[in-house]
Amino acid sequence: MKGLHDACSFLVTVCDDDMAMKVTQQVHEIDEKLQAVQRALADQSVDQYGAGVQYVNDWCDMVKAELSRHILASYEDLSAQNHTLTVSLICLFLSLLKLQPY
């Protein structure tokens, strides 16, 4: 943005008053649009962060409930619970990766 403002300052000094006013107005409009985009991106980041935190909290609640559930101590039951928690953890990480703005 500094380059745009530097170019604007140069043009204002070398152009007639009408053209200088038009250039200044256009740069002002660009600044306003850029600020609107920055605010929208900030809001989107906050929303994504909130969604990620909520998803992790929900996942932790599910794991807590699963771990506190009374299960039979057979190998098959323990394997099934391990599988459920492993799949849930994989889903958690995949959904968190989708929230990244990359």
C-alpha atoms as a PDB file:
ATOM      1  CA  MET A   1       0.000   0.000   0.000  1.00  0.00           C
ATOM      2  CA  LYS A   2       2.910   2.319   0.684  1.00  0.00           C
ATOM      3  CA  GLY A   3       3.915   2.080  -2.976  1.00  0.00           C
ATOM      4  CA  LEU A   4       0.428   3.112  -4.060  1.00  0.00           C
ATOM      5  CA  HIS A   5       0.465   6.098  -1.707  1.00  0.00           C
ATOM      6  CA  ASP A   6       3.937   7.093  -2.878  1.00  0.00           C
ATOM      7  CA  ALA A   7       2.792   6.929  -6.509  1.00  0.00           C
ATOM      8  CA  CYS A   8      -0.307   8.942  -5.613  1.00  0.00           C
ATOM      9  CA  SER A   9       1.808  11.612  -3.912  1.00  0.00           C
ATOM     10  CA  PHE A  10       4.051  11.843  -6.963  1.00  0.00           C
ATOM     11  CA  LEU A  11       1.097  12.088  -9.363  1.00  0.00           C
ATOM     12  CA  VAL A  12      -0.570  14.760  -7.237  1.00  0.00           C
ATOM     13  CA  THR A  13       2.545  16.909  -7.448  1.00  0.00           C
ATOM     14  CA  VAL A  14       2.963  16.567 -11.239  1.00  0.00           C
ATOM     15  CA  CYS A  15      -0.678  16.633 -12.404  1.00  0.00           C
ATOM     16  CA  ASP A  16      -3.122  19.462 -12.702  1.00  0.00           C
ATOM     17  CA  ASP A  17      -5.580  20.037  -9.860  1.00  0.00           C
ATOM     18  CA  ASP A  18      -8.494  18.154 -11.468  1.00  0.00           C
ATOM     19  CA  MET A  19      -6.405  15.068 -12.182  1.00  0.00           C
ATOM     20  CA  ALA A  20      -4.754  15.242  -8.743  1.00  0.00           C
ATOM     21  CA  MET A  21      -8.201  15.297  -7.122  1.00  0.00           C
ATOM     22  CA  LYS A  22      -9.319  12.265  -9.171  1.00  0.00           C
ATOM     23  CA  VAL A  23      -6.185  10.310  -8.287  1.00  0.00           C
ATOM     24  CA  THR A  24      -6.555  11.160  -4.599  1.00  0.00           C
ATOM     25  CA  GLN A  25     -10.217  10.123  -4.651  1.00  0.00           C
ATOM     26  CA  GLN A  26      -9.432   6.803  -6.357  1.00  0.00           C
ATOM     27  CA  VAL A  27      -6.676   5.999  -3.857  1.00  0.00           C
ATOM     28  CA  HIS A  28      -9.076   6.860  -1.034  1.00  0.00           C
ATOM     29  CA  GLU A  29     -11.655   4.444  -2.503  1.00  0.00           C
ATOM     30  CA  ILE A  30      -8.993   1.728  -2.792  1.00  0.00           C
ATOM     31  CA  ASP A  31      -8.049   2.297   0.855  1.00  0.00           C
ATOM     32  CA  GLU A  32     -11.688   1.932   1.931  1.00  0.00           C
ATOM     33  CA  LYS A  33     -12.123  -1.296  -0.065  1.00  0.00           C
ATOM     34  CA  LEU A  34      -8.890  -2.721   1.345  1.00  0.00           C
ATOM     35  CA  GLN A  35      -9.998  -1.925   4.899  1.00  0.00           C
ATOM     36  CA  ALA A  36     -13.341  -3.642   4.239  1.00  0.00           C
ATOM     37  CA  VAL A  37     -11.537  -6.739   2.953  1.00  0.00           C
ATOM     38  CA  GLN A  38      -9.229  -6.745   5.984  1.00  0.00           C
ATOM     39  CA  ARG A  39     -12.220  -6.509   8.355  1.00  0.00           C
ATOM     40  CA  ALA A  40     -13.978  -9.347   6.522  1.00  0.00           C
ATOM     41  CA  LEU A  41     -10.865 -11.529   6.725  1.00  0.00           C
ATOM     42  CA  ALA A  42     -10.485 -10.772  10.429  1.00  0.00           C
ATOM     43  CA  ASP A  43     -14.134 -11.686  11.033  1.00  0.00           C
ATOM     44  CA  GLN A  44     -13.711 -14.891   9.038  1.00  0.00           C
ATOM     45  CA  SER A  45     -10.607 -15.803  11.064  1.00  0.00           C
ATOM     46  CA  VAL A  46     -12.487 -15.232  14.319  1.00  0.00           C
ATOM     47  CA  ASP A  47     -15.356 -17.393  13.066  1.00  0.00           C
ATOM     48  CA  GLN A  48     -12.992 -20.178  11.989  1.00  0.00           C
ATOM     49  CA  TYR A  49     -11.171 -20.039  15.305  1.00  0.00           C
ATOM     50  CA  GLY A  50     -14.467 -20.217  17.195  1.00  0.00           C
ATOM     51  CA  ALA A  51     -15.642 -23.128  15.061  1.00  0.00           C
ATOM     52  CA  GLY A  52     -12.353 -24.950  15.664  1.00  0.00           C
ATOM     53  CA  VAL A  53     -12.524 -24.407  19.423  1.00  0.00           C
ATOM     54  CA  GLN A  54     -16.142 -25.584  19.484  1.00  0.00           C
ATOM     55  CA  TYR A  55     -15.273 -28.674  17.460  1.00  0.00           C
ATOM     56  CA  VAL A  56     -12.392 -29.546  19.821  1.00  0.00           C
ATOM     57  CA  ASN A  57     -14.649 -29.017  22.854  1.00  0.00           C
ATOM     58  CA  ASP A  58     -17.339 -31.243  21.349  1.00  0.00           C
ATOM     59  CA  TRP A  59     -14.751 -33.885  20.554  1.00  0.00           C
ATOM     60  CA  CYS A  60     -13.353 -33.745  24.106  1.00  0.00           C
ATOM     61  CA  ASP A  61     -16.875 -34.141  25.511  1.00  0.00           C
ATOM     62  CA  MET A  62     -17.441 -37.174  23.285  1.00  0.00           C
ATOM     63  CA  VAL A  63     -14.115 -38.730  24.333  1.00  0.00           C
ATOM     64  CA  LYS A  64     -14.857 -38.036  27.998  1.00  0.00           C
ATOM     65  CA  ALA A  65     -18.243 -39.709  27.664  1.00  0.00           C
ATOM     66  CA  GLU A  66     -16.729 -42.635  25.788  1.00  0.00           C
ATOM     67  CA  LEU A  67     -13.974 -43.110  28.367  1.00  0.00           C
ATOM     68  CA  SER A  68     -16.386 -42.910  31.293  1.00  0.00           C
ATOM     69  CA  ARG A  69     -18.725 -45.472  29.751  1.00  0.00           C
ATOM     70  CA  HIS A  70     -18.678 -48.865  31.428  1.00  0.00           C
ATOM     71  CA  ILE A  71     -17.392 -51.432  29.007  1.00  0.00           C
ATOM     72  CA  LEU A  72     -16.749 -55.111  29.234  1.00  0.00           C
ATOM     73  CA  ALA A  73     -13.095 -55.901  29.592  1.00  0.00           C
ATOM     74  CA  SER A  74     -12.879 -58.248  26.651  1.00  0.00           C
ATOM     75  CA  TYR A  75     -10.285 -57.792  23.941  1.00  0.00           C
ATOM     76  CA  GLU A  76     -12.969 -57.251  21.283  1.00  0.00           C
ATOM     77  CA  ASP A  77     -14.709 -54.535  23.318  1.00  0.00           C
ATOM     78  CA  LEU A  78     -11.448 -52.732  24.085  1.00  0.00           C
ATOM     79  CA  SER A  79     -10.437 -52.971  20.428  1.00  0.00           C
ATOM     80  CA  ALA A  80     -13.786 -51.527  19.338  1.00  0.00           C
ATOM     81  CA  GLN A  81     -13.472 -48.634  21.797  1.00  0.00           C
ATOM     82  CA  ASN A  82      -9.890 -48.006  20.638  1.00  0.00           C
ATOM     83  CA  HIS A  83     -11.068 -48.022  17.014  1.00  0.00           C
ATOM     84  CA  THR A  84     -13.888 -45.566  17.807  1.00  0.00           C
ATOM     85  CA  LEU A  85     -11.509 -43.166  19.546  1.00  0.00           C
ATOM     86  CA  THR A  86      -8.871 -43.490  16.786  1.00  0.00           C
ATOM     87  CA  VAL A  87     -11.396 -42.728  14.041  1.00  0.00           C
ATOM     88  CA  SER A  88     -12.712 -39.806  16.066  1.00  0.00           C
ATOM     89  CA  LEU A  89      -9.194 -38.416  16.520  1.00  0.00           C
ATOM     90  CA  ILE A  90      -8.471 -38.725  12.797  1.00  0.00           C
ATOM     91  CA  CYS A  91     -11.734 -36.920  11.980  1.00  0.00           C
ATOM     92  CA  LEU A  92     -10.829 -34.184  14.457  1.00  0.00           C
ATOM     93  CA  PHE A  93      -7.455 -33.545  12.836  1.00  0.00           C
ATOM     94  CA  LEU A  94      -8.889 -33.648   9.316  1.00  0.00           C
ATOM     95  CA  SER A  95     -11.569 -31.108  10.201  1.00  0.00           C
ATOM     96  CA  LEU A  96      -9.025 -28.842  11.891  1.00  0.00           C
ATOM     97  CA  LEU A  97      -6.815 -28.960   8.803  1.00  0.00           C
ATOM     98  CA  LYS A  98      -9.790 -27.812   6.699  1.00  0.00           C
ATOM     99  CA  LEU A  99     -10.181 -24.772   8.970  1.00  0.00           C
ATOM    100  CA  GLN A 100      -6.670 -23.562   8.136  1.00  0.00           C
ATOM    101  CA  PRO A 101      -6.628 -20.621   5.688  1.00  0.00           C
ATOM    102  CA  TYR A 102      -3.992 -22.261   3.450  1.00  0.00           C
END
